[in-house]
Amino acid sequence: SVTASGELQAVVRVPDLVQALLGSEDFATEAARRVVRVISREAKHRKQHPVSKLCLAADAKRTGSLDLKQLSKVLEGLCPGMLAEADVGVLFWRFSGGGGFSYEQLQAAIDAEQFAAAEHLLLRALPALIRQAGDFEAAAKFHDHGRTGFLKAPQLRAALSPPLDLGLGRAPAAGAAEDGSGGPAMSELDEFAGLLAQACNRDADNFQYANLVPGGVWKGPSVEEAISRVCGSSVEASAAPPPAKKRHLLAILFYKTADAAKKLGLSSQRAFDSLDKGSKGYLSAEDLRLAVKEVLGSDETLKDLDLTPAFRISF
């Protein structure tokens, strides 16, 4: 732009800067990772896990993928007012291929994010708790008014709070926001209490502490054992091969259809026509998916059946 004195002045418009950054694959990938982090946190806080179930509910035709409009609607329900249009767009880009947005890939990324967050929290707080086992026992007994040897969830959180020094706060964790109802977001202390119960194989709302720190000595799992118990299933899931396609269900469908037609004295053409919704003269991928659901009782997506939306088969 030009100043009042006629000199040229460099001006960077924010929309232009954002557009330029989104053109960088590294920036877009990191931006998508941030969006996954927000979704992961909200899904855990709202007990909406796995997110892939919400996506499946929006996938009316069971294609195994979502379009941008469907994805936006799912995320607005899960993270109301938290994500900008550009956030949703970069997430759609990150997990889209030739067949649209893959919510299975999104779920895998969410699982990895939650595993990493749990591991990080255990590595930070559990060593401190083990060192202060005596103080934790004293705090637990103080809050256990009936001397039952058990703590309810609020009592457990109180026992883990200062003066016990675990390096955790009651305030919402970094980046956390309030939920849609206006209530406070889950704090690091809340999350650690849940992870501790899981690591020690105890009920978070009826936490048995008496034999965990008898005489002020830690008898619970080591840090490594705790991480294995809490995150082991996530590690195994991430290392597992992708689920096998279920194209064999189509062969079973055709066999059962032909067998039923034979018993009823129907021609193969009549049997074929019975699967053709709308009398189009061919079977679409959606026809086959619905037939598998109706005949075999298996509600699969097109991706599960290894079919593309454009698939057609004629008699």
Protein backbone atom coordinates (compact mmCIF):
# COMPACT_ATOMS: atom_id res chain seq x y z
CA SER A 1 0.00 0.00 0.00
CA VAL A 2 0.99 3.67 -0.32
CA THR A 3 1.38 5.91 2.75
CA ALA A 4 0.22 9.53 2.97
CA SER A 5 3.75 10.66 2.06
CA GLY A 6 3.69 8.57 -1.11
CA GLU A 7 6.01 5.82 0.17
CA LEU A 8 5.32 2.14 -0.54
CA GLN A 9 4.56 0.06 2.56
CA ALA A 10 4.45 -3.74 2.70
CA VAL A 11 1.10 -5.00 3.98
CA VAL A 12 0.20 -8.65 4.53
CA ARG A 13 -3.52 -9.39 4.52
CA VAL A 14 -4.48 -12.13 7.02
CA PRO A 15 -6.69 -14.04 4.54
CA ASP A 16 -3.83 -14.09 2.03
CA LEU A 17 -1.42 -15.33 4.69
CA VAL A 18 -3.79 -18.13 5.75
CA GLN A 19 -4.33 -19.14 2.14
CA ALA A 20 -0.58 -19.26 1.56
CA LEU A 21 -0.01 -21.36 4.67
CA LEU A 22 -2.75 -23.81 3.70
CA GLY A 23 -0.88 -24.26 0.44
CA SER A 24 2.00 -25.76 2.44
CA GLU A 25 1.52 -29.50 2.97
CA ASP A 26 3.55 -29.44 6.20
CA PHE A 27 1.39 -26.67 7.63
CA ALA A 28 -1.84 -28.35 6.52
CA THR A 29 -0.76 -31.66 8.07
CA GLU A 30 0.07 -29.97 11.38
CA ALA A 31 -3.22 -28.04 11.27
CA ALA A 32 -5.10 -31.32 10.73
CA ARG A 33 -3.24 -32.85 13.70
CA ARG A 34 -4.44 -29.95 15.86
CA VAL A 35 -8.03 -30.53 14.75
CA VAL A 36 -7.70 -34.24 15.59
CA ARG A 37 -6.48 -33.22 19.05
CA VAL A 38 -9.59 -31.08 19.61
CA ILE A 39 -11.90 -33.86 18.40
CA SER A 40 -10.11 -36.42 20.57
CA ARG A 41 -10.48 -34.27 23.67
CA GLU A 42 -14.15 -33.52 23.08
CA ALA A 43 -15.00 -37.14 22.27
CA LYS A 44 -13.43 -38.25 25.54
CA HIS A 45 -15.02 -35.45 27.57
CA ARG A 46 -18.48 -36.07 26.11
CA LYS A 47 -18.08 -39.87 26.21
CA GLN A 48 -18.66 -40.04 22.45
CA HIS A 49 -16.10 -42.72 21.67
CA PRO A 50 -15.54 -44.04 19.09
CA VAL A 51 -16.15 -41.06 16.81
CA SER A 52 -16.42 -43.46 13.88
CA LYS A 53 -19.86 -44.48 15.22
CA LEU A 54 -21.08 -40.89 14.85
CA CYS A 55 -19.71 -40.85 11.31
CA LEU A 56 -21.35 -44.19 10.53
CA ALA A 57 -24.70 -42.79 11.66
CA ALA A 58 -24.24 -39.91 9.20
CA ASP A 59 -23.24 -42.32 6.43
CA ALA A 60 -26.81 -43.15 5.40
CA LYS A 61 -25.77 -45.11 2.31
CA ARG A 62 -23.02 -46.98 4.19
CA THR A 63 -20.32 -46.05 1.68
CA GLY A 64 -17.63 -46.05 4.37
CA SER A 65 -16.88 -42.39 3.68
CA LEU A 66 -18.43 -38.94 4.19
CA ASP A 67 -18.68 -35.86 2.03
CA LEU A 68 -17.67 -32.45 3.38
CA LYS A 69 -21.23 -31.49 4.34
CA GLN A 70 -21.77 -34.71 6.30
CA LEU A 71 -18.43 -34.34 8.09
CA SER A 72 -19.21 -30.72 9.01
CA LYS A 73 -22.53 -31.77 10.56
CA VAL A 74 -20.90 -34.55 12.63
CA LEU A 75 -18.18 -32.22 13.93
CA GLU A 76 -20.59 -29.39 14.72
CA GLY A 77 -22.52 -31.80 16.94
CA LEU A 78 -19.37 -33.08 18.65
CA CYS A 79 -17.43 -29.79 18.86
CA PRO A 80 -20.07 -27.04 18.68
CA GLY A 81 -18.58 -23.67 17.78
CA MET A 82 -14.99 -24.90 18.19
CA LEU A 83 -13.90 -25.54 14.62
CA ALA A 84 -13.74 -23.04 11.78
CA GLU A 85 -14.66 -23.91 8.22
CA ALA A 86 -10.94 -24.05 7.37
CA ASP A 87 -10.37 -26.55 10.22
CA VAL A 88 -12.99 -28.91 8.83
CA GLY A 89 -11.62 -28.43 5.33
CA VAL A 90 -8.05 -29.29 6.28
CA LEU A 91 -9.26 -32.37 8.20
CA PHE A 92 -11.26 -33.46 5.16
CA TRP A 93 -8.14 -33.05 3.01
CA ARG A 94 -5.98 -35.01 5.45
CA PHE A 95 -8.14 -38.14 5.51
CA SER A 96 -9.59 -38.12 2.00
CA GLY A 97 -8.63 -40.24 -0.94
CA GLY A 98 -10.33 -41.18 -4.16
CA GLY A 99 -13.36 -42.53 -2.28
CA GLY A 100 -14.04 -39.53 -0.03
CA PHE A 101 -13.35 -38.86 3.65
CA SER A 102 -12.35 -42.05 5.50
CA TYR A 103 -13.70 -41.99 9.04
CA GLU A 104 -11.81 -45.22 9.79
CA GLN A 105 -8.54 -43.32 9.25
CA LEU A 106 -9.82 -40.48 11.43
CA GLN A 107 -10.64 -42.93 14.22
CA ALA A 108 -7.15 -44.44 14.00
CA ALA A 109 -5.65 -40.95 14.37
CA ILE A 110 -7.91 -40.19 17.36
CA ASP A 111 -6.90 -43.46 19.05
CA ALA A 112 -3.22 -42.62 18.53
CA GLU A 113 -3.75 -39.13 19.97
CA GLN A 114 -5.54 -40.43 23.07
CA PHE A 115 -2.87 -43.08 23.59
CA ALA A 116 -0.10 -40.47 23.40
CA ALA A 117 -1.93 -38.15 25.83
CA ALA A 118 -2.50 -40.95 28.36
CA GLU A 119 1.13 -42.08 28.15
CA HIS A 120 2.36 -38.50 28.63
CA LEU A 121 0.17 -37.96 31.70
CA LEU A 122 1.23 -41.24 33.32
CA LEU A 123 4.90 -40.52 32.69
CA ARG A 124 4.52 -37.10 34.36
CA ALA A 125 2.36 -37.89 37.37
CA LEU A 126 2.72 -41.55 38.35
CA PRO A 127 6.43 -41.40 39.36
CA ALA A 128 5.57 -38.48 41.66
CA LEU A 129 2.68 -40.44 43.19
CA ILE A 130 4.92 -43.47 43.80
CA ARG A 131 7.47 -41.25 45.56
CA GLN A 132 4.74 -39.74 47.75
CA ALA A 133 2.93 -43.00 48.52
CA GLY A 134 2.92 -42.24 52.26
CA ASP A 135 1.39 -38.81 51.76
CA PHE A 136 -1.21 -40.28 49.40
CA GLU A 137 -2.17 -42.91 51.98
CA ALA A 138 -2.57 -40.22 54.64
CA ALA A 139 -4.68 -38.06 52.30
CA ALA A 140 -6.82 -41.06 51.30
CA LYS A 141 -7.49 -41.93 54.94
CA PHE A 142 -8.37 -38.31 55.68
CA HIS A 143 -11.00 -38.25 52.93
CA ASP A 144 -12.24 -41.79 53.69
CA HIS A 145 -14.60 -40.64 56.44
CA GLY A 146 -16.04 -44.11 57.03
CA ARG A 147 -12.60 -45.80 57.09
CA THR A 148 -13.81 -48.25 54.44
CA GLY A 149 -10.56 -48.50 52.52
CA PHE A 150 -12.37 -47.18 49.42
CA LEU A 151 -12.73 -43.70 47.89
CA LYS A 152 -15.51 -42.31 45.73
CA ALA A 153 -14.41 -40.40 42.62
CA PRO A 154 -14.57 -36.92 44.26
CA GLN A 155 -12.64 -38.26 47.29
CA LEU A 156 -9.97 -39.79 45.04
CA ARG A 157 -9.52 -36.49 43.21
CA ALA A 158 -9.25 -34.68 46.56
CA ALA A 159 -6.64 -37.18 47.80
CA LEU A 160 -4.58 -36.62 44.65
CA SER A 161 -4.79 -32.83 45.00
CA PRO A 162 -2.32 -30.52 46.80
CA PRO A 163 -0.60 -30.70 49.21
CA LEU A 164 0.24 -33.83 47.20
CA ASP A 165 2.50 -32.54 44.42
CA LEU A 166 1.92 -34.45 41.18
CA GLY A 167 2.51 -31.46 38.92
CA LEU A 168 -1.16 -31.47 37.88
CA GLY A 169 -3.74 -28.74 38.10
CA ARG A 170 -7.48 -28.62 38.66
CA ALA A 171 -7.81 -26.06 35.89
CA PRO A 172 -8.68 -27.34 32.39
CA ALA A 173 -5.73 -28.90 30.60
CA ALA A 174 -3.84 -26.80 28.06
CA GLY A 175 -6.03 -26.11 25.06
CA ALA A 176 -9.17 -27.32 26.79
CA ALA A 177 -12.44 -25.45 26.49
CA GLU A 178 -15.76 -25.56 28.22
CA ASP A 179 -18.37 -27.97 26.92
CA GLY A 180 -21.61 -27.00 25.30
CA SER A 181 -23.48 -26.99 28.59
CA GLY A 182 -21.17 -24.41 30.11
CA GLY A 183 -19.62 -26.88 32.58
CA PRO A 184 -15.86 -27.00 33.11
CA ALA A 185 -13.73 -29.13 30.82
CA MET A 186 -11.98 -32.19 32.20
CA SER A 187 -8.78 -31.24 34.03
CA GLU A 188 -5.46 -33.09 34.07
CA LEU A 189 -6.26 -34.17 37.62
CA ASP A 190 -9.59 -35.66 36.53
CA GLU A 191 -7.92 -37.50 33.67
CA PHE A 192 -5.09 -38.83 35.83
CA ALA A 193 -7.54 -40.14 38.44
CA GLY A 194 -9.29 -42.12 35.71
CA LEU A 195 -6.02 -43.43 34.29
CA LEU A 196 -4.80 -44.41 37.77
CA ALA A 197 -7.93 -46.46 38.39
CA GLN A 198 -7.53 -48.17 35.03
CA ALA A 199 -3.83 -48.86 35.59
CA CYS A 200 -4.51 -50.33 39.05
CA ASN A 201 -7.51 -52.41 37.87
CA ARG A 202 -9.85 -50.52 40.17
CA ASP A 203 -13.24 -48.87 39.90
CA ALA A 204 -12.78 -45.11 39.54
CA ASP A 205 -15.95 -44.48 41.59
CA ASN A 206 -15.10 -47.04 44.28
CA PHE A 207 -11.31 -46.91 44.39
CA GLN A 208 -9.69 -49.38 46.81
CA TYR A 209 -6.59 -47.71 48.18
CA ALA A 210 -5.92 -49.68 51.37
CA ASN A 211 -3.89 -52.47 49.75
CA LEU A 212 -2.35 -50.12 47.16
CA VAL A 213 -0.27 -48.14 49.66
CA PRO A 214 -0.17 -50.23 52.87
CA GLY A 215 2.05 -48.57 55.43
CA GLY A 216 2.84 -45.81 52.94
CA VAL A 217 4.60 -48.23 50.54
CA TRP A 218 3.55 -48.32 46.87
CA LYS A 219 2.29 -51.79 45.91
CA GLY A 220 0.70 -50.75 42.64
CA PRO A 221 2.01 -51.15 39.09
CA SER A 222 5.27 -49.65 37.92
CA VAL A 223 5.14 -46.82 35.42
CA GLU A 224 5.91 -49.26 32.60
CA GLU A 225 3.19 -51.68 33.74
CA ALA A 226 0.67 -48.86 34.07
CA ILE A 227 1.33 -47.63 30.53
CA SER A 228 1.06 -51.18 29.23
CA ARG A 229 -2.30 -51.71 30.92
CA VAL A 230 -3.79 -48.39 29.88
CA CYS A 231 -2.28 -48.04 26.43
CA GLY A 232 -1.47 -51.62 25.48
CA SER A 233 -4.76 -52.18 23.66
CA SER A 234 -4.15 -49.00 21.65
CA VAL A 235 -0.66 -50.18 20.68
CA GLU A 236 -1.97 -53.57 19.61
CA ALA A 237 -4.80 -51.97 17.65
CA SER A 238 -2.45 -49.60 15.83
CA ALA A 239 -0.11 -52.47 14.95
CA ALA A 240 -2.91 -54.76 13.76
CA PRO A 241 -3.52 -55.13 10.03
CA PRO A 242 -6.58 -53.39 8.60
CA PRO A 243 -9.78 -55.44 8.80
CA ALA A 244 -10.27 -57.85 5.93
CA LYS A 245 -12.78 -56.94 3.26
CA LYS A 246 -16.07 -58.84 3.31
CA ARG A 247 -16.52 -59.35 -0.40
CA HIS A 248 -17.18 -63.04 0.30
CA LEU A 249 -20.60 -61.97 1.61
CA LEU A 250 -21.57 -61.19 -1.99
CA ALA A 251 -20.82 -64.76 -3.02
CA ILE A 252 -22.94 -66.04 -0.14
CA LEU A 253 -25.72 -63.62 -1.16
CA PHE A 254 -25.74 -64.85 -4.76
CA TYR A 255 -25.72 -68.49 -3.61
CA LYS A 256 -28.63 -67.98 -1.21
CA THR A 257 -30.59 -66.00 -3.80
CA ALA A 258 -30.10 -68.71 -6.46
CA ASP A 259 -30.95 -71.46 -3.98
CA ALA A 260 -34.15 -69.69 -2.88
CA ALA A 261 -35.15 -69.08 -6.52
CA LYS A 262 -34.65 -72.75 -7.32
CA LYS A 263 -36.79 -73.87 -4.39
CA LEU A 264 -39.55 -71.42 -5.40
CA GLY A 265 -39.37 -72.36 -9.06
CA LEU A 266 -38.25 -68.87 -10.14
CA SER A 267 -35.93 -68.13 -13.03
CA SER A 268 -32.49 -66.64 -12.44
CA GLN A 269 -33.73 -63.46 -14.13
CA ARG A 270 -36.62 -63.16 -11.66
CA ALA A 271 -34.25 -63.69 -8.75
CA PHE A 272 -31.94 -61.00 -10.16
CA ASP A 273 -34.85 -58.60 -10.64
CA SER A 274 -35.91 -59.08 -7.02
CA LEU A 275 -32.66 -57.44 -5.92
CA ASP A 276 -32.94 -54.56 -8.38
CA LYS A 277 -34.46 -51.69 -6.40
CA GLY A 278 -36.34 -49.39 -8.76
CA SER A 279 -36.26 -51.80 -11.75
CA LYS A 280 -33.20 -50.12 -13.26
CA GLY A 281 -32.11 -53.17 -15.23
CA TYR A 282 -28.91 -53.54 -13.23
CA LEU A 283 -27.75 -53.94 -9.65
CA SER A 284 -25.96 -51.00 -8.11
CA ALA A 285 -23.51 -51.12 -5.22
CA GLU A 286 -26.30 -49.85 -2.95
CA ASP A 287 -28.64 -52.65 -4.18
CA LEU A 288 -26.03 -55.23 -3.19
CA ARG A 289 -25.36 -53.61 0.17
CA LEU A 290 -29.07 -53.58 1.02
CA ALA A 291 -29.45 -57.18 -0.18
CA VAL A 292 -26.59 -58.30 2.08
CA LYS A 293 -28.32 -56.54 4.97
CA GLU A 294 -31.78 -57.98 4.20
CA VAL A 295 -30.75 -61.53 3.27
CA LEU A 296 -27.72 -62.09 5.49
CA GLY A 297 -28.53 -59.65 8.29
CA SER A 298 -25.12 -57.98 8.02
CA ASP A 299 -25.11 -54.15 7.86
CA GLU A 300 -21.84 -53.44 6.03
CA THR A 301 -20.46 -50.36 4.29
CA LEU A 302 -19.53 -50.37 0.61
CA LYS A 303 -15.88 -50.26 1.65
CA ASP A 304 -16.39 -53.37 3.78
CA LEU A 305 -17.81 -55.15 0.73
CA ASP A 306 -14.96 -53.83 -1.43
CA LEU A 307 -17.43 -52.02 -3.71
CA THR A 308 -17.19 -48.53 -5.17
CA PRO A 309 -20.33 -46.32 -5.28
CA ALA A 310 -20.25 -46.46 -9.10
CA PHE A 311 -20.24 -50.29 -9.24
CA ARG A 312 -22.89 -51.90 -11.49
CA ILE A 313 -23.65 -55.44 -12.48
CA SER A 314 -26.11 -56.64 -15.14
CA PHE A 315 -27.72 -60.03 -15.52
